[in-house]
Protein backbone atom coordinates (compact mmCIF):
# COMPACT_ATOMS: atom_id res chain seq x y z
CA UNK A 1 -5.85 9.01 46.65
CA UNK A 2 -7.32 7.05 43.70
CA UNK A 3 -11.06 6.65 43.55
CA UNK A 4 -12.78 3.89 41.64
CA UNK A 5 -15.98 4.68 39.78
CA UNK A 6 -19.02 2.57 40.62
CA UNK A 7 -19.72 -0.04 37.90
CA UNK A 8 -22.75 1.82 36.56
CA UNK A 9 -20.74 5.04 36.10
CA UNK A 10 -17.89 3.12 34.54
CA UNK A 11 -20.27 1.69 31.93
CA UNK A 12 -21.66 5.15 31.18
CA UNK A 13 -18.13 6.57 30.94
CA UNK A 14 -17.05 3.84 28.49
CA UNK A 15 -20.21 4.37 26.46
CA UNK A 16 -19.59 8.11 26.21
CA UNK A 17 -15.98 7.55 25.19
CA UNK A 18 -17.07 5.11 22.50
CA UNK A 19 -19.33 7.78 20.98
CA UNK A 20 -16.36 10.06 20.47
CA UNK A 21 -14.01 7.43 19.04
CA UNK A 22 -16.41 5.48 16.86
CA UNK A 23 -15.55 2.30 18.75
CA UNK A 24 -18.24 -0.20 19.52
CA UNK A 25 -18.15 -3.69 20.88
CA UNK A 26 -19.20 -5.04 17.49
CA UNK A 27 -16.95 -2.73 15.45
CA UNK A 28 -15.47 -5.81 13.78
CA UNK A 29 -18.58 -5.86 11.56
CA UNK A 30 -17.07 -2.93 9.69
CA UNK A 31 -13.78 -4.67 8.91
CA UNK A 32 -12.96 -4.50 5.24
CA UNK A 33 -14.91 -1.30 4.68
CA UNK A 34 -13.20 1.96 3.81
CA UNK A 35 -15.44 4.97 3.41
CA UNK A 36 -18.99 4.92 2.13
CA UNK A 37 -19.81 2.41 -0.57
CA UNK A 38 -16.22 1.16 -0.82
CA UNK A 39 -15.24 -2.31 0.24
CA UNK A 40 -11.64 -2.72 1.34
CA UNK A 41 -9.72 -5.20 -0.84
CA UNK A 42 -6.62 -7.37 -0.37
CA UNK A 43 -5.02 -5.53 -3.30
CA UNK A 44 -5.39 -2.28 -1.38
CA UNK A 45 -3.57 -3.89 1.57
CA UNK A 46 -0.70 -4.89 -0.70
CA UNK A 47 -0.54 -1.48 -2.38
CA UNK A 48 -0.64 0.26 0.98
CA UNK A 49 2.28 -1.85 2.19
CA UNK A 50 4.16 -1.04 -1.02
CA UNK A 51 3.49 2.68 -0.55
CA UNK A 52 4.72 2.72 3.04
CA UNK A 53 7.85 0.76 2.18
CA UNK A 54 8.45 2.92 -0.90
CA UNK A 55 8.59 6.05 1.25
CA UNK A 56 11.18 4.30 3.43
CA UNK A 57 13.24 3.43 0.35
CA UNK A 58 13.19 7.02 -0.85
CA UNK A 59 14.38 8.22 2.56
CA UNK A 60 17.00 5.48 2.75
CA UNK A 61 18.41 6.39 -0.66
CA UNK A 62 19.55 9.70 0.80
CA UNK A 63 21.88 7.88 3.19
CA UNK A 64 24.35 5.56 1.44
CA UNK A 65 25.39 4.12 4.81
CA UNK A 66 21.89 2.56 4.99
CA UNK A 67 22.07 0.79 1.61
CA UNK A 68 21.96 -2.73 3.10
CA UNK A 69 18.84 -1.88 5.11
CA UNK A 70 17.26 -0.12 2.14
CA UNK A 71 17.93 -3.18 -0.03
CA UNK A 72 16.00 -5.27 2.51
CA UNK A 73 13.06 -2.87 2.27
CA UNK A 74 13.12 -3.28 -1.51
CA UNK A 75 12.95 -7.06 -0.95
CA UNK A 76 9.82 -6.49 1.14
CA UNK A 77 8.29 -4.43 -1.66
CA UNK A 78 9.04 -7.22 -4.12
CA UNK A 79 7.09 -9.66 -1.95
CA UNK A 80 4.09 -7.31 -1.90
CA UNK A 81 4.31 -6.69 -5.65
CA UNK A 82 4.30 -10.41 -6.31
CA UNK A 83 1.31 -10.85 -4.00
CA UNK A 84 -0.52 -7.92 -5.65
CA UNK A 85 -0.24 -9.69 -8.99
CA UNK A 86 -2.64 -12.32 -7.63
CA UNK A 87 -5.45 -9.73 -7.63
CA UNK A 88 -7.10 -7.54 -10.23
CA UNK A 89 -7.62 -3.78 -9.90
CA UNK A 90 -11.00 -2.58 -8.64
CA UNK A 91 -11.50 -0.74 -11.93
CA UNK A 92 -11.66 -4.10 -13.74
CA UNK A 93 -15.39 -4.34 -13.06
CA UNK A 94 -15.87 -0.89 -14.67
CA UNK A 95 -14.17 -1.97 -17.91
CA UNK A 96 -16.36 -3.33 -20.70
CA UNK A 97 -16.49 -7.10 -20.45
CA UNK A 98 -14.91 -7.46 -23.90
CA UNK A 99 -11.90 -5.39 -22.74
CA UNK A 100 -11.40 -6.90 -19.29
CA UNK A 101 -8.84 -9.54 -20.25
CA UNK A 102 -6.71 -6.93 -22.03
CA UNK A 103 -7.06 -4.58 -19.04
CA UNK A 104 -5.88 -7.27 -16.60
CA UNK A 105 -3.04 -8.24 -18.94
CA UNK A 106 -1.93 -4.60 -19.10
CA UNK A 107 -2.03 -4.40 -15.29
CA UNK A 108 0.07 -7.54 -14.95
CA UNK A 109 2.51 -6.30 -17.59
CA UNK A 110 2.96 -2.99 -15.76
CA UNK A 111 3.44 -4.79 -12.45
CA UNK A 112 6.05 -6.96 -14.17
CA UNK A 113 7.89 -3.85 -15.39
CA UNK A 114 7.68 -2.43 -11.87
CA UNK A 115 9.07 -5.66 -10.43
CA UNK A 116 11.97 -5.76 -12.91
CA UNK A 117 12.87 -2.16 -12.06
CA UNK A 118 12.69 -2.95 -8.35
CA UNK A 119 15.13 -5.82 -8.88
CA UNK A 120 17.50 -3.37 -10.59
CA UNK A 121 17.05 -1.01 -7.66
CA UNK A 122 17.81 -3.79 -5.21
CA UNK A 123 21.01 -4.60 -7.11
CA UNK A 124 22.01 -0.92 -7.12
CA UNK A 125 21.66 -0.69 -3.34
CA UNK A 126 23.58 -3.95 -2.90
CA UNK A 127 26.37 -2.53 -5.10
CA UNK A 128 26.33 0.80 -3.19
CA UNK A 129 25.51 2.57 -6.47
CA UNK A 130 23.35 5.39 -5.12
CA UNK A 131 23.51 7.39 -8.36
CA UNK A 132 21.86 4.49 -10.20
CA UNK A 133 19.48 3.89 -7.28
CA UNK A 134 18.31 7.51 -7.32
CA UNK A 135 17.83 7.44 -11.10
CA UNK A 136 15.77 4.26 -10.76
CA UNK A 137 13.70 5.79 -7.96
CA UNK A 138 12.83 8.75 -10.20
CA UNK A 139 11.93 6.34 -13.02
CA UNK A 140 9.82 4.20 -10.69
CA UNK A 141 8.00 7.27 -9.35
CA UNK A 142 7.02 8.24 -12.91
CA UNK A 143 5.93 4.67 -13.66
CA UNK A 144 3.87 4.62 -10.47
CA UNK A 145 2.04 7.84 -11.39
CA UNK A 146 1.29 6.59 -14.89
CA UNK A 147 0.10 3.19 -13.67
CA UNK A 148 -2.09 4.65 -10.95
CA UNK A 149 -3.72 6.83 -13.60
CA UNK A 150 -4.60 3.74 -15.61
CA UNK A 151 -5.46 1.16 -12.98
CA UNK A 152 -6.59 2.99 -9.85
CA UNK A 153 -10.01 4.62 -9.40
CA UNK A 154 -9.77 8.45 -9.58
CA UNK A 155 -11.06 8.95 -6.01
CA UNK A 156 -8.08 6.92 -4.71
CA UNK A 157 -5.39 9.17 -6.26
């Protein structure tokens, strides 16, 4: 037999649950905020999407029978890389004003190198050349580590 809580108890129950989950009716006021003192940015959204898809690519590279699907995931990454080139890294505001243009140019150059390598990776998957794909993945991983060291705040590593 199911019992229904009286409305006043239901409200109290929902309130108590919200305390444990951090949910509130006006929780949307915190959209765009990640951690203390850190505003969430569109570039972070793009980079997060790239990171998630990149993990899928690395898993897919282990299974040559999935090359067509993995190539599609690389296409998705390319879209996010292109979109991420519309933004500047958060660290830009920490760079001396005189050096900012050069910093942004370096970021865009590195993203361009990343994009060119991703296009090679896409072609390797399309050609069922997993040896080349795996070599490119290793190269891209190294490039990613180097670029994150230059353009990403240390607390985000």
